[in-house]
PDB file of N, CA and C in Angstrom:
ATOM      1  N   MET A   1     -64.025  11.349 -76.729  1.00  0.00           N
ATOM      2  CA  MET A   1     -63.185  10.172 -76.762  1.00  0.00           C
ATOM      3  C   MET A   1     -62.534   9.972 -75.395  1.00  0.00           C
ATOM      4  N   THR A   2     -62.573   8.758 -74.953  1.00  0.00           N
ATOM      5  CA  THR A   2     -62.091   8.428 -73.620  1.00  0.00           C
ATOM      6  C   THR A   2     -60.711   7.774 -73.711  1.00  0.00           C
ATOM      7  N   GLU A   3     -59.823   8.173 -72.834  1.00  0.00           N
ATOM      8  CA  GLU A   3     -58.480   7.600 -72.794  1.00  0.00           C
ATOM      9  C   GLU A   3     -58.549   6.107 -72.479  1.00  0.00           C
ATOM     10  N   LEU A   4     -57.665   5.350 -73.078  1.00  0.00           N
ATOM     11  CA  LEU A   4     -57.582   3.915 -72.793  1.00  0.00           C
ATOM     12  C   LEU A   4     -57.297   3.655 -71.325  1.00  0.00           C
ATOM     13  N   THR A   5     -56.483   4.502 -70.708  1.00  0.00           N
ATOM     14  CA  THR A   5     -56.113   4.287 -69.306  1.00  0.00           C
ATOM     15  C   THR A   5     -57.277   4.487 -68.343  1.00  0.00           C
ATOM     16  N   SER A   6     -58.404   4.958 -68.843  1.00  0.00           N
ATOM     17  CA  SER A   6     -59.584   5.074 -67.981  1.00  0.00           C
ATOM     18  C   SER A   6     -60.220   3.691 -67.747  1.00  0.00           C
ATOM     19  N   LEU A   7     -59.835   2.718 -68.571  1.00  0.00           N
ATOM     20  CA  LEU A   7     -60.371   1.361 -68.441  1.00  0.00           C
ATOM     21  C   LEU A   7     -59.564   0.558 -67.428  1.00  0.00           C
ATOM     22  N   ARG A   8     -60.223  -0.413 -66.816  1.00  0.00           N
ATOM     23  CA  ARG A   8     -59.517  -1.328 -65.916  1.00  0.00           C
ATOM     24  C   ARG A   8     -58.445  -2.074 -66.700  1.00  0.00           C
ATOM     25  N   ASN A   9     -57.362  -2.401 -66.030  1.00  0.00           N
ATOM     26  CA  ASN A   9     -56.279  -3.225 -66.572  1.00  0.00           C
ATOM     27  C   ASN A   9     -55.442  -2.552 -67.664  1.00  0.00           C
ATOM     28  N   ILE A  10     -55.710  -1.294 -67.967  1.00  0.00           N
ATOM     29  CA  ILE A  10     -54.956  -0.612 -69.022  1.00  0.00           C
ATOM     30  C   ILE A  10     -54.116   0.499 -68.401  1.00  0.00           C
ATOM     31  N   GLY A  11     -52.824   0.256 -68.364  1.00  0.00           N
ATOM     32  CA  GLY A  11     -51.880   1.261 -67.880  1.00  0.00           C
ATOM     33  C   GLY A  11     -51.228   1.962 -69.063  1.00  0.00           C
ATOM     34  N   LYS A  12     -50.262   2.782 -68.766  1.00  0.00           N
ATOM     35  CA  LYS A  12     -49.593   3.569 -69.809  1.00  0.00           C
ATOM     36  C   LYS A  12     -48.898   2.684 -70.847  1.00  0.00           C
ATOM     37  N   GLU A  13     -48.236   1.627 -70.402  1.00  0.00           N
ATOM     38  CA  GLU A  13     -47.516   0.758 -71.337  1.00  0.00           C
ATOM     39  C   GLU A  13     -48.478   0.020 -72.271  1.00  0.00           C
ATOM     40  N   ARG A  14     -49.547  -0.519 -71.719  1.00  0.00           N
ATOM     41  CA  ARG A  14     -50.523  -1.218 -72.562  1.00  0.00           C
ATOM     42  C   ARG A  14     -51.224  -0.225 -73.492  1.00  0.00           C
ATOM     43  N   GLU A  15     -51.486   0.974 -72.991  1.00  0.00           N
ATOM     44  CA  GLU A  15     -52.083   2.009 -73.840  1.00  0.00           C
ATOM     45  C   GLU A  15     -51.183   2.290 -75.047  1.00  0.00           C
ATOM     46  N   LYS A  16     -49.893   2.411 -74.798  1.00  0.00           N
ATOM     47  CA  LYS A  16     -48.930   2.676 -75.868  1.00  0.00           C
ATOM     48  C   LYS A  16     -48.971   1.557 -76.915  1.00  0.00           C
ATOM     49  N   LYS A  17     -49.022   0.312 -76.456  1.00  0.00           N
ATOM     50  CA  LYS A  17     -49.064  -0.829 -77.366  1.00  0.00           C
ATOM     51  C   LYS A  17     -50.371  -0.854 -78.167  1.00  0.00           C
ATOM     52  N   LEU A  18     -51.477  -0.534 -77.517  1.00  0.00           N
ATOM     53  CA  LEU A  18     -52.760  -0.511 -78.221  1.00  0.00           C
ATOM     54  C   LEU A  18     -52.791   0.597 -79.270  1.00  0.00           C
ATOM     55  N   ARG A  19     -52.267   1.743 -78.929  1.00  0.00           N
ATOM     56  CA  ARG A  19     -52.217   2.845 -79.902  1.00  0.00           C
ATOM     57  C   ARG A  19     -51.377   2.458 -81.122  1.00  0.00           C
ATOM     58  N   ALA A  20     -50.323   1.681 -80.891  1.00  0.00           N
ATOM     59  CA  ALA A  20     -49.438   1.254 -81.984  1.00  0.00           C
ATOM     60  C   ALA A  20     -50.138   0.328 -82.975  1.00  0.00           C
ATOM     61  N   VAL A  21     -51.239  -0.294 -82.552  1.00  0.00           N
ATOM     62  CA  VAL A  21     -52.005  -1.176 -83.454  1.00  0.00           C
ATOM     63  C   VAL A  21     -53.362  -0.556 -83.802  1.00  0.00           C
ATOM     64  N   ASP A  22     -53.394   0.776 -83.823  1.00  0.00           N
ATOM     65  CA  ASP A  22     -54.579   1.535 -84.258  1.00  0.00           C
ATOM     66  C   ASP A  22     -55.801   1.353 -83.376  1.00  0.00           C
ATOM     67  N   ILE A  23     -55.565   1.275 -82.069  1.00  0.00           N
ATOM     68  CA  ILE A  23     -56.664   1.271 -81.104  1.00  0.00           C
ATOM     69  C   ILE A  23     -56.386   2.451 -80.166  1.00  0.00           C
ATOM     70  N   PRO A  24     -56.860   3.642 -80.541  1.00  0.00           N
ATOM     71  CA  PRO A  24     -56.465   4.853 -79.826  1.00  0.00           C
ATOM     72  C   PRO A  24     -57.309   5.253 -78.621  1.00  0.00           C
ATOM     73  N   THR A  25     -58.516   4.684 -78.505  1.00  0.00           N
ATOM     74  CA  THR A  25     -59.422   5.127 -77.447  1.00  0.00           C
ATOM     75  C   THR A  25     -60.123   3.944 -76.785  1.00  0.00           C
ATOM     76  N   ALA A  26     -60.720   4.227 -75.633  1.00  0.00           N
ATOM     77  CA  ALA A  26     -61.510   3.203 -74.936  1.00  0.00           C
ATOM     78  C   ALA A  26     -62.668   2.746 -75.816  1.00  0.00           C
ATOM     79  N   GLU A  27     -63.285   3.678 -76.505  1.00  0.00           N
ATOM     80  CA  GLU A  27     -64.410   3.339 -77.378  1.00  0.00           C
ATOM     81  C   GLU A  27     -63.966   2.405 -78.507  1.00  0.00           C
ATOM     82  N   ALA A  28     -62.795   2.673 -79.068  1.00  0.00           N
ATOM     83  CA  ALA A  28     -62.281   1.823 -80.153  1.00  0.00           C
ATOM     84  C   ALA A  28     -62.026   0.407 -79.649  1.00  0.00           C
ATOM     85  N   LEU A  29     -61.465   0.278 -78.453  1.00  0.00           N
ATOM     86  CA  LEU A  29     -61.209  -1.048 -77.889  1.00  0.00           C
ATOM     87  C   LEU A  29     -62.525  -1.784 -77.654  1.00  0.00           C
ATOM     88  N   LYS A  30     -63.489  -1.108 -77.086  1.00  0.00           N
ATOM     89  CA  LYS A  30     -64.782  -1.750 -76.824  1.00  0.00           C
ATOM     90  C   LYS A  30     -65.465  -2.154 -78.124  1.00  0.00           C
ATOM     91  N   LYS A  31     -65.304  -1.349 -79.174  1.00  0.00           N
ATOM     92  CA  LYS A  31     -65.950  -1.645 -80.451  1.00  0.00           C
ATOM     93  C   LYS A  31     -65.348  -2.893 -81.100  1.00  0.00           C
ATOM     94  N   ILE A  32     -64.022  -3.001 -81.103  1.00  0.00           N
ATOM     95  CA  ILE A  32     -63.418  -4.160 -81.780  1.00  0.00           C
ATOM     96  C   ILE A  32     -63.365  -5.395 -80.885  1.00  0.00           C
ATOM     97  N   GLY A  33     -63.367  -5.189 -79.576  1.00  0.00           N
ATOM     98  CA  GLY A  33     -63.384  -6.308 -78.648  1.00  0.00           C
ATOM     99  C   GLY A  33     -62.002  -6.833 -78.298  1.00  0.00           C
ATOM    100  N   SER A  34     -61.975  -7.636 -77.259  1.00  0.00           N
ATOM    101  CA  SER A  34     -60.710  -8.126 -76.723  1.00  0.00           C
ATOM    102  C   SER A  34     -59.992  -9.070 -77.677  1.00  0.00           C
ATOM    103  N   LYS A  35     -60.727  -9.906 -78.385  1.00  0.00           N
ATOM    104  CA  LYS A  35     -60.083 -10.901 -79.254  1.00  0.00           C
ATOM    105  C   LYS A  35     -59.393 -10.250 -80.444  1.00  0.00           C
ATOM    106  N   GLU A  36     -60.053  -9.312 -81.083  1.00  0.00           N
ATOM    107  CA  GLU A  36     -59.423  -8.612 -82.210  1.00  0.00           C
ATOM    108  C   GLU A  36     -58.220  -7.796 -81.736  1.00  0.00           C
ATOM    109  N   ALA A  37     -58.349  -7.143 -80.598  1.00  0.00           N
ATOM    110  CA  ALA A  37     -57.229  -6.378 -80.051  1.00  0.00           C
ATOM    111  C   ALA A  37     -56.053  -7.309 -79.751  1.00  0.00           C
ATOM    112  N   PHE A  38     -56.349  -8.468 -79.193  1.00  0.00           N
ATOM    113  CA  PHE A  38     -55.317  -9.460 -78.887  1.00  0.00           C
ATOM    114  C   PHE A  38     -54.570  -9.869 -80.161  1.00  0.00           C
ATOM    115  N   ILE A  39     -55.309 -10.152 -81.217  1.00  0.00           N
ATOM    116  CA  ILE A  39     -54.687 -10.562 -82.478  1.00  0.00           C
ATOM    117  C   ILE A  39     -53.783  -9.464 -83.013  1.00  0.00           C
ATOM    118  N   ARG A  40     -54.260  -8.244 -82.986  1.00  0.00           N
ATOM    119  CA  ARG A  40     -53.428  -7.130 -83.473  1.00  0.00           C
ATOM    120  C   ARG A  40     -52.134  -7.032 -82.675  1.00  0.00           C
ATOM    121  N   LEU A  41     -52.248  -7.145 -81.356  1.00  0.00           N
ATOM    122  CA  LEU A  41     -51.053  -7.084 -80.510  1.00  0.00           C
ATOM    123  C   LEU A  41     -50.131  -8.271 -80.766  1.00  0.00           C
ATOM    124  N   LYS A  42     -50.708  -9.449 -80.892  1.00  0.00           N
ATOM    125  CA  LYS A  42     -49.934 -10.685 -81.079  1.00  0.00           C
ATOM    126  C   LYS A  42     -49.170 -10.652 -82.406  1.00  0.00           C
ATOM    127  N   LEU A  43     -49.770 -10.112 -83.439  1.00  0.00           N
ATOM    128  CA  LEU A  43     -49.097 -10.005 -84.728  1.00  0.00           C
ATOM    129  C   LEU A  43     -47.884  -9.072 -84.652  1.00  0.00           C
ATOM    130  N   ARG A  44     -47.977  -8.089 -83.800  1.00  0.00           N
ATOM    131  CA  ARG A  44     -46.885  -7.129 -83.635  1.00  0.00           C
ATOM    132  C   ARG A  44     -45.829  -7.646 -82.668  1.00  0.00           C
ATOM    133  N   ASP A  45     -46.262  -8.383 -81.659  1.00  0.00           N
ATOM    134  CA  ASP A  45     -45.362  -8.866 -80.609  1.00  0.00           C
ATOM    135  C   ASP A  45     -45.729 -10.301 -80.253  1.00  0.00           C
ATOM    136  N   PRO A  46     -44.941 -11.270 -80.692  1.00  0.00           N
ATOM    137  CA  PRO A  46     -45.277 -12.677 -80.438  1.00  0.00           C
ATOM    138  C   PRO A  46     -45.279 -13.066 -78.961  1.00  0.00           C
ATOM    139  N   TYR A  47     -44.756 -12.212 -78.094  1.00  0.00           N
ATOM    140  CA  TYR A  47     -44.738 -12.515 -76.664  1.00  0.00           C
ATOM    141  C   TYR A  47     -46.035 -12.153 -75.953  1.00  0.00           C
ATOM    142  N   VAL A  48     -46.978 -11.549 -76.678  1.00  0.00           N
ATOM    143  CA  VAL A  48     -48.296 -11.286 -76.101  1.00  0.00           C
ATOM    144  C   VAL A  48     -48.920 -12.641 -75.761  1.00  0.00           C
ATOM    145  N   CYS A  49     -49.456 -12.744 -74.542  1.00  0.00           N
ATOM    146  CA  CYS A  49     -49.922 -14.048 -74.069  1.00  0.00           C
ATOM    147  C   CYS A  49     -51.354 -13.975 -73.525  1.00  0.00           C
ATOM    148  N   LEU A  50     -51.782 -15.101 -72.982  1.00  0.00           N
ATOM    149  CA  LEU A  50     -53.138 -15.231 -72.467  1.00  0.00           C
ATOM    150  C   LEU A  50     -53.478 -14.161 -71.433  1.00  0.00           C
ATOM    151  N   VAL A  51     -52.547 -13.808 -70.587  1.00  0.00           N
ATOM    152  CA  VAL A  51     -52.810 -12.791 -69.557  1.00  0.00           C
ATOM    153  C   VAL A  51     -53.176 -11.456 -70.213  1.00  0.00           C
ATOM    154  N   HIS A  52     -52.548 -11.148 -71.329  1.00  0.00           N
ATOM    155  CA  HIS A  52     -52.906  -9.925 -72.058  1.00  0.00           C
ATOM    156  C   HIS A  52     -54.362  -9.994 -72.525  1.00  0.00           C
ATOM    157  N   LEU A  53     -54.753 -11.154 -73.020  1.00  0.00           N
ATOM    158  CA  LEU A  53     -56.135 -11.320 -73.478  1.00  0.00           C
ATOM    159  C   LEU A  53     -57.112 -11.166 -72.315  1.00  0.00           C
ATOM    160  N   TYR A  54     -56.790 -11.752 -71.177  1.00  0.00           N
ATOM    161  CA  TYR A  54     -57.632 -11.583 -69.981  1.00  0.00           C
ATOM    162  C   TYR A  54     -57.742 -10.098 -69.619  1.00  0.00           C
ATOM    163  N   ALA A  55     -56.627  -9.398 -69.650  1.00  0.00           N
ATOM    164  CA  ALA A  55     -56.636  -7.968 -69.297  1.00  0.00           C
ATOM    165  C   ALA A  55     -57.493  -7.170 -70.269  1.00  0.00           C
ATOM    166  N   LEU A  56     -57.379  -7.489 -71.548  1.00  0.00           N
ATOM    167  CA  LEU A  56     -58.193  -6.788 -72.546  1.00  0.00           C
ATOM    168  C   LEU A  56     -59.678  -7.070 -72.350  1.00  0.00           C
ATOM    169  N   GLU A  57     -60.020  -8.323 -72.080  1.00  0.00           N
ATOM    170  CA  GLU A  57     -61.423  -8.673 -71.831  1.00  0.00           C
ATOM    171  C   GLU A  57     -61.933  -7.964 -70.576  1.00  0.00           C
ATOM    172  N   GLY A  58     -61.094  -7.911 -69.562  1.00  0.00           N
ATOM    173  CA  GLY A  58     -61.476  -7.189 -68.352  1.00  0.00           C
ATOM    174  C   GLY A  58     -61.714  -5.720 -68.624  1.00  0.00           C
ATOM    175  N   ALA A  59     -60.885  -5.136 -69.471  1.00  0.00           N
ATOM    176  CA  ALA A  59     -61.054  -3.725 -69.830  1.00  0.00           C
ATOM    177  C   ALA A  59     -62.383  -3.504 -70.550  1.00  0.00           C
ATOM    178  N   VAL A  60     -62.684  -4.390 -71.486  1.00  0.00           N
ATOM    179  CA  VAL A  60     -63.917  -4.271 -72.268  1.00  0.00           C
ATOM    180  C   VAL A  60     -65.156  -4.507 -71.401  1.00  0.00           C
ATOM    181  N   SER A  61     -65.062  -5.458 -70.464  1.00  0.00           N
ATOM    182  CA  SER A  61     -66.231  -5.821 -69.646  1.00  0.00           C
ATOM    183  C   SER A  61     -66.234  -5.156 -68.265  1.00  0.00           C
ATOM    184  N   ASP A  62     -65.289  -4.250 -68.030  1.00  0.00           N
ATOM    185  CA  ASP A  62     -65.196  -3.500 -66.776  1.00  0.00           C
ATOM    186  C   ASP A  62     -65.046  -4.423 -65.556  1.00  0.00           C
ATOM    187  N   ARG A  63     -64.080  -5.333 -65.659  1.00  0.00           N
ATOM    188  CA  ARG A  63     -63.752  -6.233 -64.548  1.00  0.00           C
ATOM    189  C   ARG A  63     -62.238  -6.302 -64.417  1.00  0.00           C
ATOM    190  N   GLU A  64     -61.787  -6.591 -63.214  1.00  0.00           N
ATOM    191  CA  GLU A  64     -60.379  -6.899 -63.043  1.00  0.00           C
ATOM    192  C   GLU A  64     -60.107  -8.193 -63.801  1.00  0.00           C
ATOM    193  N   TYR A  65     -58.946  -8.297 -64.420  1.00  0.00           N
ATOM    194  CA  TYR A  65     -58.666  -9.475 -65.257  1.00  0.00           C
ATOM    195  C   TYR A  65     -58.728 -10.777 -64.478  1.00  0.00           C
ATOM    196  N   ASN A  66     -58.416 -10.728 -63.190  1.00  0.00           N
ATOM    197  CA  ASN A  66     -58.441 -11.957 -62.384  1.00  0.00           C
ATOM    198  C   ASN A  66     -59.818 -12.243 -61.795  1.00  0.00           C
ATOM    199  N   GLN A  67     -60.811 -11.458 -62.160  1.00  0.00           N
ATOM    200  CA  GLN A  67     -62.187 -11.668 -61.701  1.00  0.00           C
ATOM    201  C   GLN A  67     -63.121 -12.101 -62.827  1.00  0.00           C
ATOM    202  N   LEU A  68     -62.552 -12.464 -63.965  1.00  0.00           N
ATOM    203  CA  LEU A  68     -63.393 -12.928 -65.077  1.00  0.00           C
ATOM    204  C   LEU A  68     -64.039 -14.257 -64.706  1.00  0.00           C
ATOM    205  N   PRO A  69     -65.268 -14.488 -65.122  1.00  0.00           N
ATOM    206  CA  PRO A  69     -65.924 -15.774 -64.858  1.00  0.00           C
ATOM    207  C   PRO A  69     -65.151 -16.925 -65.510  1.00  0.00           C
ATOM    208  N   GLU A  70     -65.217 -18.087 -64.909  1.00  0.00           N
ATOM    209  CA  GLU A  70     -64.479 -19.254 -65.399  1.00  0.00           C
ATOM    210  C   GLU A  70     -64.825 -19.587 -66.846  1.00  0.00           C
ATOM    211  N   GLU A  71     -66.090 -19.484 -67.220  1.00  0.00           N
ATOM    212  CA  GLU A  71     -66.461 -19.828 -68.596  1.00  0.00           C
ATOM    213  C   GLU A  71     -65.850 -18.860 -69.602  1.00  0.00           C
ATOM    214  N   VAL A  72     -65.733 -17.594 -69.207  1.00  0.00           N
ATOM    215  CA  VAL A  72     -65.094 -16.605 -70.077  1.00  0.00           C
ATOM    216  C   VAL A  72     -63.607 -16.931 -70.192  1.00  0.00           C
ATOM    217  N   LYS A  73     -62.972 -17.270 -69.084  1.00  0.00           N
ATOM    218  CA  LYS A  73     -61.545 -17.626 -69.115  1.00  0.00           C
ATOM    219  C   LYS A  73     -61.303 -18.852 -69.991  1.00  0.00           C
ATOM    220  N   ARG A  74     -62.174 -19.841 -69.901  1.00  0.00           N
ATOM    221  CA  ARG A  74     -62.022 -21.044 -70.737  1.00  0.00           C
ATOM    222  C   ARG A  74     -62.121 -20.686 -72.221  1.00  0.00           C
ATOM    223  N   ASP A  75     -63.096 -19.859 -72.577  1.00  0.00           N
ATOM    224  CA  ASP A  75     -63.269 -19.431 -73.959  1.00  0.00           C
ATOM    225  C   ASP A  75     -62.034 -18.665 -74.446  1.00  0.00           C
ATOM    226  N   LEU A  76     -61.546 -17.754 -73.634  1.00  0.00           N
ATOM    227  CA  LEU A  76     -60.378 -16.956 -74.022  1.00  0.00           C
ATOM    228  C   LEU A  76     -59.132 -17.824 -74.138  1.00  0.00           C
ATOM    229  N   LYS A  77     -58.984 -18.805 -73.241  1.00  0.00           N
ATOM    230  CA  LYS A  77     -57.833 -19.706 -73.305  1.00  0.00           C
ATOM    231  C   LYS A  77     -57.867 -20.510 -74.590  1.00  0.00           C
ATOM    232  N   ALA A  78     -59.029 -21.038 -74.940  1.00  0.00           N
ATOM    233  CA  ALA A  78     -59.162 -21.798 -76.182  1.00  0.00           C
ATOM    234  C   ALA A  78     -58.820 -20.915 -77.387  1.00  0.00           C
ATOM    235  N   TYR A  79     -59.279 -19.687 -77.350  1.00  0.00           N
ATOM    236  CA  TYR A  79     -58.981 -18.741 -78.438  1.00  0.00           C
ATOM    237  C   TYR A  79     -57.478 -18.491 -78.527  1.00  0.00           C
ATOM    238  N   SER A  80     -56.867 -18.199 -77.409  1.00  0.00           N
ATOM    239  CA  SER A  80     -55.420 -17.957 -77.360  1.00  0.00           C
ATOM    240  C   SER A  80     -54.641 -19.175 -77.833  1.00  0.00           C
ATOM    241  N   ASP A  81     -55.041 -20.343 -77.377  1.00  0.00           N
ATOM    242  CA  ASP A  81     -54.355 -21.592 -77.747  1.00  0.00           C
ATOM    243  C   ASP A  81     -54.414 -21.855 -79.245  1.00  0.00           C
ATOM    244  N   SER A  82     -55.436 -21.348 -79.908  1.00  0.00           N
ATOM    245  CA  SER A  82     -55.567 -21.591 -81.344  1.00  0.00           C
ATOM    246  C   SER A  82     -54.496 -20.855 -82.157  1.00  0.00           C
ATOM    247  N   PHE A  83     -53.733 -19.976 -81.515  1.00  0.00           N
ATOM    248  CA  PHE A  83     -52.673 -19.220 -82.206  1.00  0.00           C
ATOM    249  C   PHE A  83     -51.273 -19.700 -81.871  1.00  0.00           C
ATOM    250  N   LYS A  84     -51.186 -20.836 -81.201  1.00  0.00           N
ATOM    251  CA  LYS A  84     -49.858 -21.371 -80.835  1.00  0.00           C
ATOM    252  C   LYS A  84     -49.287 -22.187 -81.964  1.00  0.00           C
TER     253      LYS A  84
END
């Protein structure tokens, strides 16, 4: 099992938050994906925002969150907006 902090964009604080929503490892995050992880976090903390979703997607796809392709960002923004 690989630590969450081994992934891009995941520091100690985000790791703590992910563990609190039953995502304990890098493998678990990759298995459920960024969108499901985002929903779990958002249900626990309404201040979770689009940047968190970008960071989670970057972690899953091994990219810096600010280097995601535009089409991926558009899809994630639409997904995030659907929960407002």
